[in-house]
Amino acid sequence: MARQKSAGRTQTKAQPAPGSKRYTAPTPKSQKHSPLWVRVAMFTAVGCGLVVIMLNYLGLLPGGDAQNSDLLLGLGLMIVGFVLSTQYR
């Protein structure tokens, strides 16, 4: 007895919403906001880091010539500002 070959199960292709070709995430019910201190600390750290680096190269910091420790302090402050920027919402 010969078996008949069936066409198998057919599925319809999913269609995007009318007028849209991309996935749109649902809007959150409540927006999260960062406290004010995150924004203030972020800009303060980056700004102070830039000032320390500029003063270091101009030779206006105590100690005279440009020092690596002052440069590292400025870079450290800028890194702290960058890390805080990842927490800003």
PDB file of N, CA and C in Angstrom:
ATOM      1  N   MET A   1       0.840  -1.166   0.000  1.00  0.00           N
ATOM      2  CA  MET A   1       0.000   0.000   0.000  1.00  0.00           C
ATOM      3  C   MET A   1       0.896   1.244   0.000  1.00  0.00           C
ATOM      4  N   ALA A   2       0.665   2.117  -0.908  1.00  0.00           N
ATOM      5  CA  ALA A   2       1.491   3.321  -1.066  1.00  0.00           C
ATOM      6  C   ALA A   2       0.946   4.443  -0.189  1.00  0.00           C
ATOM      7  N   ARG A   3       1.890   5.182   0.437  1.00  0.00           N
ATOM      8  CA  ARG A   3       1.470   6.321   1.269  1.00  0.00           C
ATOM      9  C   ARG A   3       1.342   7.543   0.389  1.00  0.00           C
ATOM     10  N   GLN A   4       0.349   8.321   0.729  1.00  0.00           N
ATOM     11  CA  GLN A   4       0.179   9.576  -0.004  1.00  0.00           C
ATOM     12  C   GLN A   4       1.037  10.646   0.644  1.00  0.00           C
ATOM     13  N   LYS A   5       1.678  11.435  -0.170  1.00  0.00           N
ATOM     14  CA  LYS A   5       2.508  12.528   0.336  1.00  0.00           C
ATOM     15  C   LYS A   5       1.609  13.723   0.619  1.00  0.00           C
ATOM     16  N   SER A   6       1.661  14.204   1.869  1.00  0.00           N
ATOM     17  CA  SER A   6       0.813  15.345   2.219  1.00  0.00           C
ATOM     18  C   SER A   6       1.592  16.643   2.022  1.00  0.00           C
ATOM     19  N   ALA A   7       0.859  17.692   1.847  1.00  0.00           N
ATOM     20  CA  ALA A   7       1.476  19.006   1.631  1.00  0.00           C
ATOM     21  C   ALA A   7       2.091  19.540   2.915  1.00  0.00           C
ATOM     22  N   GLY A   8       1.682  19.049   4.033  1.00  0.00           N
ATOM     23  CA  GLY A   8       2.206  19.509   5.309  1.00  0.00           C
ATOM     24  C   GLY A   8       1.438  20.716   5.826  1.00  0.00           C
ATOM     25  N   ARG A   9       1.868  21.155   6.956  1.00  0.00           N
ATOM     26  CA  ARG A   9       1.192  22.284   7.591  1.00  0.00           C
ATOM     27  C   ARG A   9       1.727  23.585   7.003  1.00  0.00           C
ATOM     28  N   THR A  10       0.858  24.462   6.658  1.00  0.00           N
ATOM     29  CA  THR A  10       1.288  25.756   6.118  1.00  0.00           C
ATOM     30  C   THR A  10       1.019  26.835   7.154  1.00  0.00           C
ATOM     31  N   GLN A  11       1.932  27.794   7.223  1.00  0.00           N
ATOM     32  CA  GLN A  11       1.789  28.901   8.161  1.00  0.00           C
ATOM     33  C   GLN A  11       1.736  30.199   7.379  1.00  0.00           C
ATOM     34  N   THR A  12       0.982  31.115   7.910  1.00  0.00           N
ATOM     35  CA  THR A  12       0.947  32.431   7.279  1.00  0.00           C
ATOM     36  C   THR A  12       2.108  33.259   7.810  1.00  0.00           C
ATOM     37  N   LYS A  13       2.651  34.088   6.972  1.00  0.00           N
ATOM     38  CA  LYS A  13       3.773  34.923   7.345  1.00  0.00           C
ATOM     39  C   LYS A  13       3.271  36.073   8.219  1.00  0.00           C
ATOM     40  N   ALA A  14       4.000  36.350   9.311  1.00  0.00           N
ATOM     41  CA  ALA A  14       3.606  37.428  10.217  1.00  0.00           C
ATOM     42  C   ALA A  14       3.760  38.764   9.504  1.00  0.00           C
ATOM     43  N   GLN A  15       2.795  39.604   9.641  1.00  0.00           N
ATOM     44  CA  GLN A  15       2.808  40.916   9.007  1.00  0.00           C
ATOM     45  C   GLN A  15       2.999  41.988  10.067  1.00  0.00           C
ATOM     46  N   PRO A  16       3.855  43.002   9.799  1.00  0.00           N
ATOM     47  CA  PRO A  16       4.008  44.098  10.761  1.00  0.00           C
ATOM     48  C   PRO A  16       2.740  44.946  10.803  1.00  0.00           C
ATOM     49  N   ALA A  17       2.664  45.746  11.829  1.00  0.00           N
ATOM     50  CA  ALA A  17       1.514  46.627  11.975  1.00  0.00           C
ATOM     51  C   ALA A  17       1.439  47.556  10.775  1.00  0.00           C
ATOM     52  N   PRO A  18       0.244  47.975  10.387  1.00  0.00           N
ATOM     53  CA  PRO A  18       0.120  48.858   9.235  1.00  0.00           C
ATOM     54  C   PRO A  18       0.924  50.153   9.429  1.00  0.00           C
ATOM     55  N   GLY A  19       1.690  50.527   8.422  1.00  0.00           N
ATOM     56  CA  GLY A  19       2.472  51.757   8.477  1.00  0.00           C
ATOM     57  C   GLY A  19       3.799  51.608   9.198  1.00  0.00           C
ATOM     58  N   SER A  20       4.127  50.413   9.676  1.00  0.00           N
ATOM     59  CA  SER A  20       5.364  50.218  10.419  1.00  0.00           C
ATOM     60  C   SER A  20       6.095  49.002   9.878  1.00  0.00           C
ATOM     61  N   LYS A  21       7.412  49.130   9.746  1.00  0.00           N
ATOM     62  CA  LYS A  21       8.202  48.002   9.279  1.00  0.00           C
ATOM     63  C   LYS A  21       9.177  47.539  10.338  1.00  0.00           C
ATOM     64  N   ARG A  22       9.203  48.200  11.485  1.00  0.00           N
ATOM     65  CA  ARG A  22      10.142  47.850  12.544  1.00  0.00           C
ATOM     66  C   ARG A  22       9.388  47.606  13.849  1.00  0.00           C
ATOM     67  N   TYR A  23      10.057  46.887  14.724  1.00  0.00           N
ATOM     68  CA  TYR A  23       9.508  46.654  16.054  1.00  0.00           C
ATOM     69  C   TYR A  23       9.573  47.937  16.870  1.00  0.00           C
ATOM     70  N   THR A  24       8.496  48.271  17.505  1.00  0.00           N
ATOM     71  CA  THR A  24       8.460  49.434  18.380  1.00  0.00           C
ATOM     72  C   THR A  24       8.222  48.950  19.802  1.00  0.00           C
ATOM     73  N   ALA A  25       9.150  49.292  20.678  1.00  0.00           N
ATOM     74  CA  ALA A  25       9.024  48.868  22.067  1.00  0.00           C
ATOM     75  C   ALA A  25       7.829  49.561  22.715  1.00  0.00           C
ATOM     76  N   PRO A  26       7.176  48.863  23.628  1.00  0.00           N
ATOM     77  CA  PRO A  26       6.053  49.510  24.312  1.00  0.00           C
ATOM     78  C   PRO A  26       6.528  50.656  25.176  1.00  0.00           C
ATOM     79  N   THR A  27       5.692  51.660  25.326  1.00  0.00           N
ATOM     80  CA  THR A  27       6.068  52.802  26.160  1.00  0.00           C
ATOM     81  C   THR A  27       5.978  52.402  27.624  1.00  0.00           C
ATOM     82  N   PRO A  28       6.988  52.742  28.410  1.00  0.00           N
ATOM     83  CA  PRO A  28       6.962  52.368  29.827  1.00  0.00           C
ATOM     84  C   PRO A  28       5.848  53.124  30.560  1.00  0.00           C
ATOM     85  N   LYS A  29       5.336  52.459  31.573  1.00  0.00           N
ATOM     86  CA  LYS A  29       4.257  53.086  32.336  1.00  0.00           C
ATOM     87  C   LYS A  29       4.765  54.212  33.218  1.00  0.00           C
ATOM     88  N   SER A  30       5.994  54.077  33.681  1.00  0.00           N
ATOM     89  CA  SER A  30       6.569  55.149  34.494  1.00  0.00           C
ATOM     90  C   SER A  30       8.018  55.360  34.068  1.00  0.00           C
ATOM     91  N   GLN A  31       8.385  56.592  33.845  1.00  0.00           N
ATOM     92  CA  GLN A  31       9.750  56.922  33.448  1.00  0.00           C
ATOM     93  C   GLN A  31      10.632  56.978  34.689  1.00  0.00           C
ATOM     94  N   LYS A  32      11.835  56.415  34.599  1.00  0.00           N
ATOM     95  CA  LYS A  32      12.780  56.490  35.709  1.00  0.00           C
ATOM     96  C   LYS A  32      13.593  57.770  35.561  1.00  0.00           C
ATOM     97  N   HIS A  33      13.785  58.472  36.639  1.00  0.00           N
ATOM     98  CA  HIS A  33      14.566  59.702  36.627  1.00  0.00           C
ATOM     99  C   HIS A  33      15.703  59.573  37.628  1.00  0.00           C
ATOM    100  N   SER A  34      16.855  60.080  37.228  1.00  0.00           N
ATOM    101  CA  SER A  34      18.007  60.074  38.128  1.00  0.00           C
ATOM    102  C   SER A  34      17.878  61.238  39.107  1.00  0.00           C
ATOM    103  N   PRO A  35      18.430  61.066  40.307  1.00  0.00           N
ATOM    104  CA  PRO A  35      18.446  62.183  41.237  1.00  0.00           C
ATOM    105  C   PRO A  35      19.343  63.303  40.706  1.00  0.00           C
ATOM    106  N   LEU A  36      19.147  64.487  41.204  1.00  0.00           N
ATOM    107  CA  LEU A  36      19.888  65.658  40.744  1.00  0.00           C
ATOM    108  C   LEU A  36      21.381  65.519  40.987  1.00  0.00           C
ATOM    109  N   TRP A  37      21.783  64.833  42.051  1.00  0.00           N
ATOM    110  CA  TRP A  37      23.206  64.750  42.382  1.00  0.00           C
ATOM    111  C   TRP A  37      23.999  63.985  41.324  1.00  0.00           C
ATOM    112  N   VAL A  38      23.350  63.072  40.580  1.00  0.00           N
ATOM    113  CA  VAL A  38      24.066  62.325  39.546  1.00  0.00           C
ATOM    114  C   VAL A  38      24.501  63.269  38.435  1.00  0.00           C
ATOM    115  N   ARG A  39      23.606  64.119  37.991  1.00  0.00           N
ATOM    116  CA  ARG A  39      23.931  65.070  36.928  1.00  0.00           C
ATOM    117  C   ARG A  39      24.984  66.072  37.376  1.00  0.00           C
ATOM    118  N   VAL A  40      24.827  66.587  38.581  1.00  0.00           N
ATOM    119  CA  VAL A  40      25.784  67.573  39.103  1.00  0.00           C
ATOM    120  C   VAL A  40      27.167  66.947  39.274  1.00  0.00           C
ATOM    121  N   ALA A  41      27.220  65.762  39.866  1.00  0.00           N
ATOM    122  CA  ALA A  41      28.510  65.097  40.086  1.00  0.00           C
ATOM    123  C   ALA A  41      29.176  64.717  38.770  1.00  0.00           C
ATOM    124  N   MET A  42      28.386  64.312  37.792  1.00  0.00           N
ATOM    125  CA  MET A  42      28.930  63.919  36.497  1.00  0.00           C
ATOM    126  C   MET A  42      29.628  65.104  35.823  1.00  0.00           C
ATOM    127  N   PHE A  43      28.927  66.228  35.695  1.00  0.00           N
ATOM    128  CA  PHE A  43      29.521  67.394  35.031  1.00  0.00           C
ATOM    129  C   PHE A  43      30.655  68.005  35.853  1.00  0.00           C
ATOM    130  N   THR A  44      30.537  67.960  37.172  1.00  0.00           N
ATOM    131  CA  THR A  44      31.603  68.492  38.021  1.00  0.00           C
ATOM    132  C   THR A  44      32.886  67.672  37.866  1.00  0.00           C
ATOM    133  N   ALA A  45      32.764  66.354  37.868  1.00  0.00           N
ATOM    134  CA  ALA A  45      33.946  65.494  37.757  1.00  0.00           C
ATOM    135  C   ALA A  45      34.634  65.675  36.406  1.00  0.00           C
ATOM    136  N   VAL A  46      33.857  65.705  35.325  1.00  0.00           N
ATOM    137  CA  VAL A  46      34.454  65.878  33.997  1.00  0.00           C
ATOM    138  C   VAL A  46      35.080  67.262  33.880  1.00  0.00           C
ATOM    139  N   GLY A  47      34.385  68.286  34.360  1.00  0.00           N
ATOM    140  CA  GLY A  47      34.911  69.650  34.300  1.00  0.00           C
ATOM    141  C   GLY A  47      36.179  69.825  35.117  1.00  0.00           C
ATOM    142  N   CYS A  48      36.189  69.299  36.332  1.00  0.00           N
ATOM    143  CA  CYS A  48      37.394  69.403  37.176  1.00  0.00           C
ATOM    144  C   CYS A  48      38.555  68.621  36.566  1.00  0.00           C
ATOM    145  N   GLY A  49      38.258  67.470  35.956  1.00  0.00           N
ATOM    146  CA  GLY A  49      39.310  66.701  35.302  1.00  0.00           C
ATOM    147  C   GLY A  49      39.946  67.476  34.156  1.00  0.00           C
ATOM    148  N   LEU A  50      39.131  68.128  33.361  1.00  0.00           N
ATOM    149  CA  LEU A  50      39.662  68.940  32.262  1.00  0.00           C
ATOM    150  C   LEU A  50      40.487  70.110  32.775  1.00  0.00           C
ATOM    151  N   VAL A  51      40.007  70.767  33.838  1.00  0.00           N
ATOM    152  CA  VAL A  51      40.738  71.911  34.404  1.00  0.00           C
ATOM    153  C   VAL A  51      42.083  71.462  34.961  1.00  0.00           C
ATOM    154  N   VAL A  52      42.116  70.325  35.675  1.00  0.00           N
ATOM    155  CA  VAL A  52      43.371  69.829  36.241  1.00  0.00           C
ATOM    156  C   VAL A  52      44.361  69.509  35.126  1.00  0.00           C
ATOM    157  N   ILE A  53      43.897  68.886  34.042  1.00  0.00           N
ATOM    158  CA  ILE A  53      44.802  68.548  32.937  1.00  0.00           C
ATOM    159  C   ILE A  53      45.329  69.818  32.269  1.00  0.00           C
ATOM    160  N   MET A  54      44.460  70.798  32.043  1.00  0.00           N
ATOM    161  CA  MET A  54      44.917  72.045  31.420  1.00  0.00           C
ATOM    162  C   MET A  54      45.908  72.790  32.309  1.00  0.00           C
ATOM    163  N   LEU A  55      45.611  72.885  33.596  1.00  0.00           N
ATOM    164  CA  LEU A  55      46.531  73.565  34.510  1.00  0.00           C
ATOM    165  C   LEU A  55      47.855  72.817  34.630  1.00  0.00           C
ATOM    166  N   ASN A  56      47.799  71.489  34.528  1.00  0.00           N
ATOM    167  CA  ASN A  56      49.019  70.690  34.578  1.00  0.00           C
ATOM    168  C   ASN A  56      49.937  71.039  33.405  1.00  0.00           C
ATOM    169  N   TYR A  57      49.384  71.093  32.205  1.00  0.00           N
ATOM    170  CA  TYR A  57      50.212  71.377  31.038  1.00  0.00           C
ATOM    171  C   TYR A  57      50.646  72.841  30.956  1.00  0.00           C
ATOM    172  N   LEU A  58      49.892  73.725  31.566  1.00  0.00           N
ATOM    173  CA  LEU A  58      50.301  75.129  31.604  1.00  0.00           C
ATOM    174  C   LEU A  58      51.324  75.391  32.704  1.00  0.00           C
ATOM    175  N   GLY A  59      51.511  74.426  33.591  1.00  0.00           N
ATOM    176  CA  GLY A  59      52.483  74.563  34.673  1.00  0.00           C
ATOM    177  C   GLY A  59      52.004  75.464  35.790  1.00  0.00           C
ATOM    178  N   LEU A  60      50.706  75.602  35.964  1.00  0.00           N
ATOM    179  CA  LEU A  60      50.152  76.481  36.990  1.00  0.00           C
ATOM    180  C   LEU A  60      49.812  75.760  38.290  1.00  0.00           C
ATOM    181  N   LEU A  61      49.976  74.460  38.335  1.00  0.00           N
ATOM    182  CA  LEU A  61      49.700  73.717  39.563  1.00  0.00           C
ATOM    183  C   LEU A  61      50.934  73.748  40.459  1.00  0.00           C
ATOM    184  N   PRO A  62      50.754  73.584  41.772  1.00  0.00           N
ATOM    185  CA  PRO A  62      51.916  73.546  42.668  1.00  0.00           C
ATOM    186  C   PRO A  62      52.873  72.429  42.268  1.00  0.00           C
ATOM    187  N   GLY A  63      54.143  72.708  42.289  1.00  0.00           N
ATOM    188  CA  GLY A  63      55.144  71.727  41.919  1.00  0.00           C
ATOM    189  C   GLY A  63      55.867  72.104  40.645  1.00  0.00           C
ATOM    190  N   GLY A  64      55.402  73.189  39.987  1.00  0.00           N
ATOM    191  CA  GLY A  64      56.126  73.674  38.814  1.00  0.00           C
ATOM    192  C   GLY A  64      55.784  72.945  37.542  1.00  0.00           C
ATOM    193  N   ASP A  65      56.718  72.165  37.037  1.00  0.00           N
ATOM    194  CA  ASP A  65      56.558  71.502  35.743  1.00  0.00           C
ATOM    195  C   ASP A  65      55.396  70.508  35.769  1.00  0.00           C
ATOM    196  N   ALA A  66      55.015  70.073  34.569  1.00  0.00           N
ATOM    197  CA  ALA A  66      53.947  69.085  34.440  1.00  0.00           C
ATOM    198  C   ALA A  66      54.361  67.780  35.100  1.00  0.00           C
ATOM    199  N   GLN A  67      53.443  67.240  35.890  1.00  0.00           N
ATOM    200  CA  GLN A  67      53.724  65.996  36.610  1.00  0.00           C
ATOM    201  C   GLN A  67      52.720  64.930  36.203  1.00  0.00           C
ATOM    202  N   ASN A  68      53.187  63.703  36.169  1.00  0.00           N
ATOM    203  CA  ASN A  68      52.303  62.600  35.809  1.00  0.00           C
ATOM    204  C   ASN A  68      51.198  62.396  36.835  1.00  0.00           C
ATOM    205  N   SER A  69      51.473  62.661  38.099  1.00  0.00           N
ATOM    206  CA  SER A  69      50.455  62.451  39.130  1.00  0.00           C
ATOM    207  C   SER A  69      49.264  63.391  38.913  1.00  0.00           C
ATOM    208  N   ASP A  70      49.525  64.619  38.500  1.00  0.00           N
ATOM    209  CA  ASP A  70      48.425  65.545  38.226  1.00  0.00           C
ATOM    210  C   ASP A  70      47.638  65.114  36.996  1.00  0.00           C
ATOM    211  N   LEU A  71      48.351  64.613  36.004  1.00  0.00           N
ATOM    212  CA  LEU A  71      47.682  64.107  34.807  1.00  0.00           C
ATOM    213  C   LEU A  71      46.786  62.922  35.151  1.00  0.00           C
ATOM    214  N   LEU A  72      47.277  62.021  35.973  1.00  0.00           N
ATOM    215  CA  LEU A  72      46.473  60.861  36.380  1.00  0.00           C
ATOM    216  C   LEU A  72      45.269  61.280  37.216  1.00  0.00           C
ATOM    217  N   LEU A  73      45.438  62.312  38.037  1.00  0.00           N
ATOM    218  CA  LEU A  73      44.302  62.828  38.800  1.00  0.00           C
ATOM    219  C   LEU A  73      43.219  63.347  37.861  1.00  0.00           C
ATOM    220  N   GLY A  74      43.618  64.124  36.865  1.00  0.00           N
ATOM    221  CA  GLY A  74      42.651  64.641  35.901  1.00  0.00           C
ATOM    222  C   GLY A  74      41.962  63.542  35.121  1.00  0.00           C
ATOM    223  N   LEU A  75      42.716  62.561  34.674  1.00  0.00           N
ATOM    224  CA  LEU A  75      42.118  61.439  33.950  1.00  0.00           C
ATOM    225  C   LEU A  75      41.190  60.625  34.845  1.00  0.00           C
ATOM    226  N   GLY A  76      41.579  60.462  36.100  1.00  0.00           N
ATOM    227  CA  GLY A  76      40.722  59.740  37.050  1.00  0.00           C
ATOM    228  C   GLY A  76      39.398  60.454  37.259  1.00  0.00           C
ATOM    229  N   LEU A  77      39.448  61.780  37.379  1.00  0.00           N
ATOM    230  CA  LEU A  77      38.205  62.549  37.541  1.00  0.00           C
ATOM    231  C   LEU A  77      37.316  62.417  36.303  1.00  0.00           C
ATOM    232  N   MET A  78      37.930  62.432  35.129  1.00  0.00           N
ATOM    233  CA  MET A  78      37.135  62.286  33.907  1.00  0.00           C
ATOM    234  C   MET A  78      36.526  60.889  33.802  1.00  0.00           C
ATOM    235  N   ILE A  79      37.244  59.866  34.256  1.00  0.00           N
ATOM    236  CA  ILE A  79      36.698  58.508  34.250  1.00  0.00           C
ATOM    237  C   ILE A  79      35.527  58.403  35.214  1.00  0.00           C
ATOM    238  N   VAL A  80      35.648  59.031  36.377  1.00  0.00           N
ATOM    239  CA  VAL A  80      34.531  59.036  37.336  1.00  0.00           C
ATOM    240  C   VAL A  80      33.307  59.690  36.710  1.00  0.00           C
ATOM    241  N   GLY A  81      33.502  60.796  35.998  1.00  0.00           N
ATOM    242  CA  GLY A  81      32.390  61.450  35.320  1.00  0.00           C
ATOM    243  C   GLY A  81      31.764  60.566  34.265  1.00  0.00           C
ATOM    244  N   PHE A  82      32.607  59.832  33.527  1.00  0.00           N
ATOM    245  CA  PHE A  82      32.077  58.920  32.517  1.00  0.00           C
ATOM    246  C   PHE A  82      31.277  57.788  33.157  1.00  0.00           C
ATOM    247  N   VAL A  83      31.768  57.228  34.247  1.00  0.00           N
ATOM    248  CA  VAL A  83      31.044  56.154  34.937  1.00  0.00           C
ATOM    249  C   VAL A  83      29.709  56.674  35.463  1.00  0.00           C
ATOM    250  N   LEU A  84      29.705  57.890  35.980  1.00  0.00           N
ATOM    251  CA  LEU A  84      28.433  58.460  36.446  1.00  0.00           C
ATOM    252  C   LEU A  84      27.466  58.695  35.296  1.00  0.00           C
ATOM    253  N   SER A  85      28.006  58.988  34.110  1.00  0.00           N
ATOM    254  CA  SER A  85      27.107  59.211  32.962  1.00  0.00           C
ATOM    255  C   SER A  85      26.372  57.941  32.553  1.00  0.00           C
ATOM    256  N   THR A  86      26.916  56.779  32.885  1.00  0.00           N
ATOM    257  CA  THR A  86      26.210  55.539  32.575  1.00  0.00           C
ATOM    258  C   THR A  86      25.017  55.318  33.511  1.00  0.00           C
ATOM    259  N   GLN A  87      25.002  56.009  34.643  1.00  0.00           N
ATOM    260  CA  GLN A  87      23.896  55.875  35.592  1.00  0.00           C
ATOM    261  C   GLN A  87      22.816  56.933  35.393  1.00  0.00           C
ATOM    262  N   TYR A  88      23.068  57.880  34.478  1.00  0.00           N
ATOM    263  CA  TYR A  88      22.112  58.958  34.246  1.00  0.00           C
ATOM    264  C   TYR A  88      20.981  58.474  33.357  1.00  0.00           C
ATOM    265  N   ARG A  89      19.758  58.768  33.772  1.00  0.00           N
ATOM    266  CA  ARG A  89      18.579  58.378  32.985  1.00  0.00           C
ATOM    267  C   ARG A  89      17.784  59.608  32.642  1.00  0.00           C
TER     268      ARG A  89
END
